[in-house]
Amino acid sequence: MVYTKEEKLRIVKLYLDGIIEYPPNATPRQKDNIRKKIKKWVGVFKAQGEEALEPRKKSFKYEDKKFAVERILAGESQYQVAFSLGTTNTVEIRKWIKQYKENGWNGLRKDGNRNKYFNAKVRVTTKLKEAQEEIEFLRKKIKEQSIEIEYLKKLNALVNQRRGQ
């Protein structure tokens, strides 16, 4: 069930007053799930105020995802990062980290579950780019070694010439 900002705010205020409302006929499991959800809302409310209780946007921009992953790689907790984005959904954050680890920054551009072709294309493109970079590196190395071989040949010829004198 999706709650509006007003519903969440009303429930949070009741909770802060020591009142928790459960739907009639709620099972113990449902009550536990509701209690967890309310505690998350209270945490978001205390940390960021009323505006954080707005229903979260359906998708995040590439820049938001990249910034979130960078913060986590720097040591910040997934929960703190999710909070700052106005959500408590760490599952989505973990998905971004996985996409980054598998496909680099380009993996964050599209949702892997929605567009498998894109991710496969990104992987192929990334591997192709890595292979091209390695080929370029090896070409430079070969050129350096060829120059070194020519130098050593000339040096050897000079040494032999001096010995012959």
N, C-alpha and C. Protein backbone atom coordinates (compact mmCIF):
# COMPACT_ATOMS: atom_id res chain seq x y z
N MET A 1 0.84 -1.18 0.00
CA MET A 1 0.00 0.00 0.00
C MET A 1 0.89 1.25 0.00
N VAL A 2 0.54 2.21 -0.82
CA VAL A 2 1.28 3.46 -0.90
C VAL A 2 0.57 4.48 -0.03
N TYR A 3 1.32 5.08 0.88
CA TYR A 3 0.78 6.09 1.78
C TYR A 3 1.12 7.48 1.26
N THR A 4 0.20 8.41 1.45
CA THR A 4 0.48 9.79 1.08
C THR A 4 1.33 10.43 2.17
N LYS A 5 1.86 11.58 1.87
CA LYS A 5 2.68 12.32 2.84
C LYS A 5 1.84 12.63 4.08
N GLU A 6 0.59 13.03 3.90
CA GLU A 6 -0.27 13.39 5.01
C GLU A 6 -0.54 12.19 5.91
N GLU A 7 -0.80 11.02 5.29
CA GLU A 7 -1.03 9.80 6.07
C GLU A 7 0.21 9.42 6.88
N LYS A 8 1.36 9.49 6.22
CA LYS A 8 2.61 9.16 6.92
C LYS A 8 2.84 10.11 8.08
N LEU A 9 2.62 11.42 7.84
CA LEU A 9 2.84 12.42 8.88
C LEU A 9 1.90 12.18 10.07
N ARG A 10 0.64 11.87 9.79
CA ARG A 10 -0.32 11.60 10.86
C ARG A 10 0.13 10.39 11.68
N ILE A 11 0.57 9.33 11.00
CA ILE A 11 1.01 8.11 11.69
C ILE A 11 2.27 8.39 12.51
N VAL A 12 3.20 9.14 11.94
CA VAL A 12 4.45 9.48 12.66
C VAL A 12 4.14 10.26 13.92
N LYS A 13 3.25 11.25 13.82
CA LYS A 13 2.89 12.06 15.00
C LYS A 13 2.21 11.21 16.06
N LEU A 14 1.34 10.29 15.65
CA LEU A 14 0.72 9.39 16.61
C LEU A 14 1.77 8.52 17.30
N TYR A 15 2.72 8.04 16.51
CA TYR A 15 3.78 7.20 17.07
C TYR A 15 4.61 7.99 18.09
N LEU A 16 4.95 9.23 17.73
CA LEU A 16 5.75 10.06 18.64
C LEU A 16 4.97 10.40 19.92
N ASP A 17 3.64 10.36 19.84
CA ASP A 17 2.80 10.57 21.03
C ASP A 17 2.58 9.27 21.80
N GLY A 18 3.18 8.19 21.31
CA GLY A 18 3.07 6.90 22.01
C GLY A 18 1.89 6.06 21.58
N ILE A 19 1.30 6.40 20.45
CA ILE A 19 0.13 5.66 19.96
C ILE A 19 0.49 5.01 18.63
N ILE A 20 0.21 3.71 18.54
CA ILE A 20 0.39 3.03 17.26
C ILE A 20 -0.96 2.45 16.88
N GLU A 21 -1.40 2.78 15.70
CA GLU A 21 -2.68 2.26 15.21
C GLU A 21 -2.41 1.10 14.26
N TYR A 22 -3.08 0.00 14.52
CA TYR A 22 -2.98 -1.14 13.61
C TYR A 22 -4.35 -1.36 12.96
N PRO A 23 -4.34 -1.83 11.74
CA PRO A 23 -5.62 -2.14 11.10
C PRO A 23 -6.33 -3.25 11.88
N PRO A 24 -7.66 -3.21 11.90
CA PRO A 24 -8.37 -4.29 12.58
C PRO A 24 -8.04 -5.62 11.90
N ASN A 25 -7.99 -6.67 12.67
CA ASN A 25 -7.71 -8.04 12.19
C ASN A 25 -6.30 -8.20 11.65
N ALA A 26 -5.35 -7.33 12.03
CA ALA A 26 -3.97 -7.47 11.57
C ALA A 26 -3.31 -8.63 12.32
N THR A 27 -2.59 -9.45 11.58
CA THR A 27 -1.88 -10.57 12.19
C THR A 27 -0.64 -10.04 12.89
N PRO A 28 -0.04 -10.82 13.79
CA PRO A 28 1.20 -10.37 14.44
C PRO A 28 2.30 -10.03 13.44
N ARG A 29 2.39 -10.79 12.37
CA ARG A 29 3.40 -10.51 11.34
C ARG A 29 3.13 -9.16 10.66
N GLN A 30 1.87 -8.91 10.33
CA GLN A 30 1.51 -7.63 9.71
C GLN A 30 1.80 -6.47 10.65
N LYS A 31 1.50 -6.67 11.95
CA LYS A 31 1.79 -5.63 12.93
C LYS A 31 3.29 -5.35 13.01
N ASP A 32 4.09 -6.41 12.95
CA ASP A 32 5.54 -6.23 12.99
C ASP A 32 6.02 -5.46 11.77
N ASN A 33 5.50 -5.79 10.59
CA ASN A 33 5.87 -5.07 9.36
C ASN A 33 5.46 -3.61 9.44
N ILE A 34 4.27 -3.35 9.96
CA ILE A 34 3.81 -1.97 10.10
C ILE A 34 4.71 -1.22 11.07
N ARG A 35 5.06 -1.86 12.19
CA ARG A 35 5.92 -1.23 13.19
C ARG A 35 7.27 -0.85 12.57
N LYS A 36 7.85 -1.74 11.77
CA LYS A 36 9.13 -1.46 11.11
C LYS A 36 9.00 -0.28 10.15
N LYS A 37 7.92 -0.27 9.38
CA LYS A 37 7.69 0.81 8.42
C LYS A 37 7.56 2.15 9.14
N ILE A 38 6.82 2.15 10.25
CA ILE A 38 6.61 3.38 11.01
C ILE A 38 7.94 3.87 11.57
N LYS A 39 8.77 2.96 12.08
CA LYS A 39 10.07 3.36 12.64
C LYS A 39 10.95 4.00 11.56
N LYS A 40 10.90 3.47 10.34
CA LYS A 40 11.65 4.08 9.24
C LYS A 40 11.14 5.49 8.97
N TRP A 41 9.82 5.63 8.91
CA TRP A 41 9.23 6.95 8.66
C TRP A 41 9.63 7.94 9.75
N VAL A 42 9.61 7.47 11.00
CA VAL A 42 9.98 8.35 12.11
C VAL A 42 11.44 8.78 11.97
N GLY A 43 12.31 7.84 11.61
CA GLY A 43 13.73 8.17 11.42
C GLY A 43 13.93 9.18 10.31
N VAL A 44 13.23 8.99 9.21
CA VAL A 44 13.33 9.92 8.08
C VAL A 44 12.78 11.29 8.50
N PHE A 45 11.66 11.29 9.21
CA PHE A 45 11.05 12.54 9.67
C PHE A 45 11.99 13.30 10.60
N LYS A 46 12.58 12.59 11.56
CA LYS A 46 13.49 13.25 12.51
C LYS A 46 14.74 13.78 11.81
N ALA A 47 15.25 13.04 10.83
CA ALA A 47 16.48 13.44 10.16
C ALA A 47 16.27 14.56 9.14
N GLN A 48 15.11 14.52 8.44
CA GLN A 48 14.95 15.44 7.30
C GLN A 48 13.66 16.23 7.30
N GLY A 49 12.79 15.98 8.25
CA GLY A 49 11.56 16.75 8.32
C GLY A 49 10.44 16.19 7.47
N GLU A 50 9.36 16.96 7.40
CA GLU A 50 8.14 16.53 6.71
C GLU A 50 8.35 16.19 5.24
N GLU A 51 9.16 17.00 4.56
CA GLU A 51 9.34 16.83 3.12
C GLU A 51 9.86 15.44 2.77
N ALA A 52 10.60 14.83 3.69
CA ALA A 52 11.17 13.50 3.42
C ALA A 52 10.09 12.42 3.41
N LEU A 53 8.90 12.74 3.88
CA LEU A 53 7.81 11.77 3.90
C LEU A 53 7.03 11.74 2.59
N GLU A 54 7.40 12.61 1.67
CA GLU A 54 6.76 12.60 0.34
C GLU A 54 6.99 11.23 -0.28
N PRO A 55 6.00 10.71 -1.00
CA PRO A 55 6.27 9.46 -1.69
C PRO A 55 7.47 9.65 -2.61
N ARG A 56 8.40 8.73 -2.55
CA ARG A 56 9.65 8.92 -3.29
C ARG A 56 9.43 8.82 -4.79
N LYS A 57 10.31 9.44 -5.50
CA LYS A 57 10.21 9.40 -6.96
C LYS A 57 10.46 7.97 -7.44
N LYS A 58 9.90 7.66 -8.57
CA LYS A 58 9.98 6.30 -9.10
C LYS A 58 11.38 5.94 -9.57
N SER A 59 12.12 6.90 -10.08
CA SER A 59 13.46 6.58 -10.57
C SER A 59 14.42 7.70 -10.21
N PHE A 60 15.69 7.36 -10.22
CA PHE A 60 16.73 8.32 -9.90
C PHE A 60 17.56 8.58 -11.15
N LYS A 61 18.07 9.78 -11.24
CA LYS A 61 18.93 10.13 -12.36
C LYS A 61 20.28 9.44 -12.21
N TYR A 62 20.99 9.34 -13.31
CA TYR A 62 22.32 8.73 -13.31
C TYR A 62 23.23 9.41 -12.30
N GLU A 63 23.17 10.75 -12.26
CA GLU A 63 24.05 11.51 -11.36
C GLU A 63 23.77 11.17 -9.90
N ASP A 64 22.47 11.00 -9.55
CA ASP A 64 22.11 10.63 -8.18
C ASP A 64 22.67 9.25 -7.83
N LYS A 65 22.53 8.32 -8.76
CA LYS A 65 23.03 6.96 -8.52
C LYS A 65 24.54 6.96 -8.36
N LYS A 66 25.22 7.68 -9.25
CA LYS A 66 26.68 7.73 -9.21
C LYS A 66 27.16 8.34 -7.90
N PHE A 67 26.54 9.45 -7.50
CA PHE A 67 26.92 10.11 -6.25
C PHE A 67 26.69 9.18 -5.06
N ALA A 68 25.57 8.45 -5.08
CA ALA A 68 25.26 7.52 -3.99
C ALA A 68 26.31 6.41 -3.91
N VAL A 69 26.66 5.84 -5.06
CA VAL A 69 27.66 4.76 -5.07
C VAL A 69 29.02 5.29 -4.62
N GLU A 70 29.39 6.48 -5.07
CA GLU A 70 30.67 7.07 -4.64
C GLU A 70 30.71 7.24 -3.13
N ARG A 71 29.60 7.69 -2.55
CA ARG A 71 29.56 7.88 -1.09
C ARG A 71 29.70 6.56 -0.36
N ILE A 72 29.07 5.52 -0.87
CA ILE A 72 29.17 4.21 -0.23
C ILE A 72 30.58 3.66 -0.35
N LEU A 73 31.19 3.82 -1.53
CA LEU A 73 32.57 3.38 -1.71
C LEU A 73 33.53 4.14 -0.81
N ALA A 74 33.15 5.37 -0.44
CA ALA A 74 33.98 6.18 0.45
C ALA A 74 33.77 5.78 1.92
N GLY A 75 32.81 4.89 2.19
CA GLY A 75 32.64 4.38 3.54
C GLY A 75 31.35 4.75 4.23
N GLU A 76 30.50 5.52 3.58
CA GLU A 76 29.22 5.89 4.19
C GLU A 76 28.28 4.69 4.13
N SER A 77 27.38 4.57 5.09
CA SER A 77 26.48 3.41 5.12
C SER A 77 25.39 3.56 4.06
N GLN A 78 24.90 2.41 3.61
CA GLN A 78 23.84 2.41 2.61
C GLN A 78 22.58 3.08 3.15
N TYR A 79 22.31 2.86 4.43
CA TYR A 79 21.12 3.45 5.03
C TYR A 79 21.21 4.98 5.06
N GLN A 80 22.39 5.52 5.40
CA GLN A 80 22.57 6.97 5.42
C GLN A 80 22.39 7.56 4.03
N VAL A 81 22.94 6.89 3.03
CA VAL A 81 22.83 7.37 1.65
C VAL A 81 21.37 7.33 1.21
N ALA A 82 20.69 6.23 1.52
CA ALA A 82 19.28 6.12 1.15
C ALA A 82 18.47 7.23 1.81
N PHE A 83 18.75 7.48 3.09
CA PHE A 83 18.08 8.55 3.82
C PHE A 83 18.25 9.88 3.12
N SER A 84 19.47 10.17 2.71
CA SER A 84 19.74 11.46 2.08
C SER A 84 19.02 11.60 0.74
N LEU A 85 18.70 10.46 0.12
CA LEU A 85 17.96 10.50 -1.15
C LEU A 85 16.44 10.54 -0.92
N GLY A 86 16.05 10.54 0.35
CA GLY A 86 14.63 10.61 0.67
C GLY A 86 13.93 9.28 0.61
N THR A 87 14.68 8.20 0.81
CA THR A 87 14.09 6.87 0.82
C THR A 87 14.76 6.06 1.91
N THR A 88 14.16 4.95 2.23
CA THR A 88 14.80 4.02 3.17
C THR A 88 15.06 2.69 2.46
N ASN A 89 14.93 2.71 1.16
CA ASN A 89 15.06 1.50 0.36
C ASN A 89 16.52 1.21 0.05
N THR A 90 17.16 0.42 0.90
CA THR A 90 18.56 0.09 0.67
C THR A 90 18.70 -1.00 -0.38
N VAL A 91 17.61 -1.69 -0.70
CA VAL A 91 17.66 -2.72 -1.75
C VAL A 91 18.05 -2.07 -3.08
N GLU A 92 17.46 -0.93 -3.35
CA GLU A 92 17.77 -0.22 -4.59
C GLU A 92 19.22 0.23 -4.61
N ILE A 93 19.71 0.71 -3.48
CA ILE A 93 21.11 1.15 -3.36
C ILE A 93 22.04 -0.03 -3.63
N ARG A 94 21.74 -1.18 -3.02
CA ARG A 94 22.58 -2.37 -3.24
C ARG A 94 22.58 -2.78 -4.71
N LYS A 95 21.44 -2.61 -5.38
CA LYS A 95 21.35 -2.94 -6.81
C LYS A 95 22.28 -2.03 -7.61
N TRP A 96 22.34 -0.75 -7.26
CA TRP A 96 23.23 0.18 -7.96
C TRP A 96 24.68 -0.22 -7.77
N ILE A 97 25.03 -0.63 -6.57
CA ILE A 97 26.42 -1.04 -6.30
C ILE A 97 26.75 -2.26 -7.14
N LYS A 98 25.83 -3.21 -7.22
CA LYS A 98 26.05 -4.40 -8.02
C LYS A 98 26.21 -4.03 -9.50
N GLN A 99 25.35 -3.14 -9.99
CA GLN A 99 25.43 -2.71 -11.38
C GLN A 99 26.77 -2.02 -11.65
N TYR A 100 27.22 -1.21 -10.69
CA TYR A 100 28.52 -0.53 -10.85
C TYR A 100 29.65 -1.55 -10.89
N LYS A 101 29.63 -2.52 -10.00
CA LYS A 101 30.70 -3.52 -9.95
C LYS A 101 30.74 -4.37 -11.22
N GLU A 102 29.57 -4.66 -11.78
CA GLU A 102 29.51 -5.50 -12.97
C GLU A 102 29.83 -4.74 -14.25
N ASN A 103 29.37 -3.48 -14.34
CA ASN A 103 29.43 -2.75 -15.61
C ASN A 103 30.11 -1.39 -15.53
N GLY A 104 30.67 -1.05 -14.38
CA GLY A 104 31.26 0.28 -14.24
C GLY A 104 30.17 1.34 -14.16
N TRP A 105 30.56 2.60 -14.35
CA TRP A 105 29.60 3.70 -14.21
C TRP A 105 28.48 3.61 -15.24
N ASN A 106 28.75 3.05 -16.41
CA ASN A 106 27.68 2.93 -17.42
C ASN A 106 26.57 1.99 -16.97
N GLY A 107 26.87 1.08 -16.06
CA GLY A 107 25.85 0.17 -15.56
C GLY A 107 24.75 0.89 -14.80
N LEU A 108 25.02 2.11 -14.36
CA LEU A 108 24.01 2.87 -13.62
C LEU A 108 23.08 3.64 -14.53
N ARG A 109 23.36 3.65 -15.81
CA ARG A 109 22.55 4.46 -16.74
C ARG A 109 21.16 3.87 -16.98
N LYS A 110 21.05 2.56 -16.95
CA LYS A 110 19.76 1.90 -17.16
C LYS A 110 19.58 0.85 -16.08
N ASP A 111 18.33 0.52 -15.81
CA ASP A 111 18.02 -0.51 -14.84
C ASP A 111 18.26 -1.87 -15.49
N GLY A 112 19.12 -2.67 -14.90
CA GLY A 112 19.48 -3.97 -15.45
C GLY A 112 18.30 -4.91 -15.59
N ASN A 113 17.28 -4.80 -14.74
CA ASN A 113 16.14 -5.69 -14.83
C ASN A 113 15.24 -5.33 -16.00
N ARG A 114 15.25 -4.09 -16.41
CA ARG A 114 14.35 -3.65 -17.47
C ARG A 114 14.98 -3.77 -18.85
N ASN A 115 16.29 -3.70 -18.93
CA ASN A 115 16.92 -3.65 -20.24
C ASN A 115 18.18 -4.51 -20.25
N LYS A 116 18.00 -5.81 -20.34
CA LYS A 116 19.13 -6.73 -20.33
C LYS A 116 20.04 -6.48 -21.54
N TYR A 117 19.45 -6.12 -22.67
CA TYR A 117 20.25 -5.88 -23.87
C TYR A 117 21.24 -4.75 -23.62
N PHE A 118 20.78 -3.70 -22.96
CA PHE A 118 21.66 -2.56 -22.69
C PHE A 118 22.87 -3.00 -21.89
N ASN A 119 22.64 -3.75 -20.81
CA ASN A 119 23.76 -4.17 -19.97
C ASN A 119 24.71 -5.09 -20.71
N ALA A 120 24.16 -5.98 -21.53
CA ALA A 120 25.03 -6.85 -22.32
C ALA A 120 25.86 -6.01 -23.28
N LYS A 121 25.23 -5.03 -23.89
CA LYS A 121 25.93 -4.14 -24.82
C LYS A 121 27.01 -3.34 -24.09
N VAL A 122 26.69 -2.87 -22.89
CA VAL A 122 27.66 -2.11 -22.10
C VAL A 122 28.85 -3.00 -21.76
N ARG A 123 28.57 -4.26 -21.35
CA ARG A 123 29.66 -5.18 -21.00
C ARG A 123 30.56 -5.42 -22.21
N VAL A 124 29.95 -5.65 -23.37
CA VAL A 124 30.74 -5.89 -24.58
C VAL A 124 31.53 -4.64 -24.94
N THR A 125 30.88 -3.48 -24.87
CA THR A 125 31.55 -2.22 -25.19
C THR A 125 32.69 -1.96 -24.22
N THR A 126 32.46 -2.21 -22.94
CA THR A 126 33.49 -2.00 -21.93
C THR A 126 34.66 -2.94 -22.16
N LYS A 127 34.36 -4.21 -22.43
CA LYS A 127 35.43 -5.17 -22.68
C LYS A 127 36.19 -4.83 -23.96
N LEU A 128 35.48 -4.38 -24.97
CA LEU A 128 36.11 -3.97 -26.22
C LEU A 128 37.04 -2.79 -25.97
N LYS A 129 36.57 -1.83 -25.20
CA LYS A 129 37.38 -0.65 -24.89
C LYS A 129 38.63 -1.07 -24.10
N GLU A 130 38.45 -1.96 -23.12
CA GLU A 130 39.58 -2.44 -22.34
C GLU A 130 40.59 -3.16 -23.23
N ALA A 131 40.08 -3.98 -24.17
CA ALA A 131 40.96 -4.70 -25.09
C ALA A 131 41.72 -3.73 -25.98
N GLN A 132 41.02 -2.69 -26.47
CA GLN A 132 41.68 -1.69 -27.32
C GLN A 132 42.76 -0.94 -26.54
N GLU A 133 42.47 -0.62 -25.27
CA GLU A 133 43.47 0.05 -24.44
C GLU A 133 44.69 -0.85 -24.22
N GLU A 134 44.43 -2.14 -24.00
CA GLU A 134 45.55 -3.07 -23.81
C GLU A 134 46.37 -3.22 -25.08
N ILE A 135 45.71 -3.28 -26.22
CA ILE A 135 46.42 -3.36 -27.50
C ILE A 135 47.30 -2.13 -27.69
N GLU A 136 46.75 -0.96 -27.40
CA GLU A 136 47.52 0.29 -27.53
C GLU A 136 48.73 0.28 -26.59
N PHE A 137 48.53 -0.18 -25.36
CA PHE A 137 49.62 -0.28 -24.40
C PHE A 137 50.71 -1.22 -24.91
N LEU A 138 50.29 -2.38 -25.44
CA LEU A 138 51.26 -3.35 -25.94
C LEU A 138 52.00 -2.82 -27.17
N ARG A 139 51.32 -2.07 -28.02
CA ARG A 139 51.99 -1.46 -29.19
C ARG A 139 53.08 -0.49 -28.74
N LYS A 140 52.76 0.32 -27.73
CA LYS A 140 53.76 1.25 -27.21
C LYS A 140 54.94 0.50 -26.62
N LYS A 141 54.64 -0.58 -25.91
CA LYS A 141 55.69 -1.38 -25.29
C LYS A 141 56.59 -1.99 -26.37
N ILE A 142 55.98 -2.52 -27.43
CA ILE A 142 56.75 -3.10 -28.53
C ILE A 142 57.64 -2.04 -29.18
N LYS A 143 57.09 -0.86 -29.39
CA LYS A 143 57.87 0.23 -29.99
C LYS A 143 59.06 0.59 -29.11
N GLU A 144 58.83 0.70 -27.78
CA GLU A 144 59.92 1.01 -26.86
C GLU A 144 61.00 -0.08 -26.91
N GLN A 145 60.56 -1.33 -26.93
CA GLN A 145 61.53 -2.43 -26.95
C GLN A 145 62.27 -2.50 -28.28
N SER A 146 61.60 -2.15 -29.37
CA SER A 146 62.27 -2.11 -30.67
C SER A 146 63.36 -1.05 -30.68
N ILE A 147 63.05 0.09 -30.11
CA ILE A 147 64.05 1.16 -30.01
C ILE A 147 65.23 0.70 -29.15
N GLU A 148 64.90 0.03 -28.05
CA GLU A 148 65.95 -0.47 -27.16
C GLU A 148 66.83 -1.50 -27.87
N ILE A 149 66.22 -2.38 -28.66
CA ILE A 149 66.98 -3.40 -29.40
C ILE A 149 67.91 -2.73 -30.41
N GLU A 150 67.41 -1.72 -31.14
CA GLU A 150 68.24 -1.00 -32.10
C GLU A 150 69.42 -0.34 -31.39
N TYR A 151 69.15 0.26 -30.25
CA TYR A 151 70.20 0.90 -29.47
C TYR A 151 71.26 -0.12 -29.06
N LEU A 152 70.82 -1.26 -28.57
CA LEU A 152 71.76 -2.30 -28.12
C LEU A 152 72.58 -2.86 -29.29
N LYS A 153 71.95 -2.98 -30.46
CA LYS A 153 72.68 -3.43 -31.65
C LYS A 153 73.79 -2.45 -32.00
N LYS A 154 73.46 -1.16 -31.99
CA LYS A 154 74.46 -0.13 -32.32
C LYS A 154 75.56 -0.11 -31.27
N LEU A 155 75.17 -0.26 -30.00
CA LEU A 155 76.15 -0.30 -28.92
C LEU A 155 77.06 -1.49 -29.07
N ASN A 156 76.50 -2.63 -29.39
CA ASN A 156 77.27 -3.85 -29.59
C ASN A 156 78.24 -3.68 -30.77
N ALA A 157 77.78 -3.03 -31.84
CA ALA A 157 78.64 -2.79 -33.01
C ALA A 157 79.79 -1.88 -32.63
N LEU A 158 79.54 -0.84 -31.84
CA LEU A 158 80.60 0.07 -31.39
C LEU A 158 81.62 -0.68 -30.51
N VAL A 159 81.10 -1.50 -29.60
CA VAL A 159 82.00 -2.26 -28.71
C VAL A 159 82.89 -3.20 -29.55
N ASN A 160 82.30 -3.87 -30.51
CA ASN A 160 83.05 -4.79 -31.38
C ASN A 160 84.07 -4.02 -32.23
N GLN A 161 83.69 -2.83 -32.68
CA GLN A 161 84.58 -2.00 -33.48
C GLN A 161 85.78 -1.58 -32.64
N ARG A 162 85.56 -1.20 -31.39
CA ARG A 162 86.64 -0.78 -30.49
C ARG A 162 87.57 -1.96 -30.17
N ARG A 163 87.01 -3.13 -30.02
CA ARG A 163 87.82 -4.32 -29.74
C ARG A 163 88.73 -4.64 -30.93
N GLY A 164 88.21 -4.36 -32.11
CA GLY A 164 88.97 -4.66 -33.33
C GLY A 164 90.11 -3.69 -33.52
N GLN A 165 90.16 -2.56 -32.88
CA GLN A 165 91.23 -1.57 -33.06
C GLN A 165 92.44 -1.92 -32.31
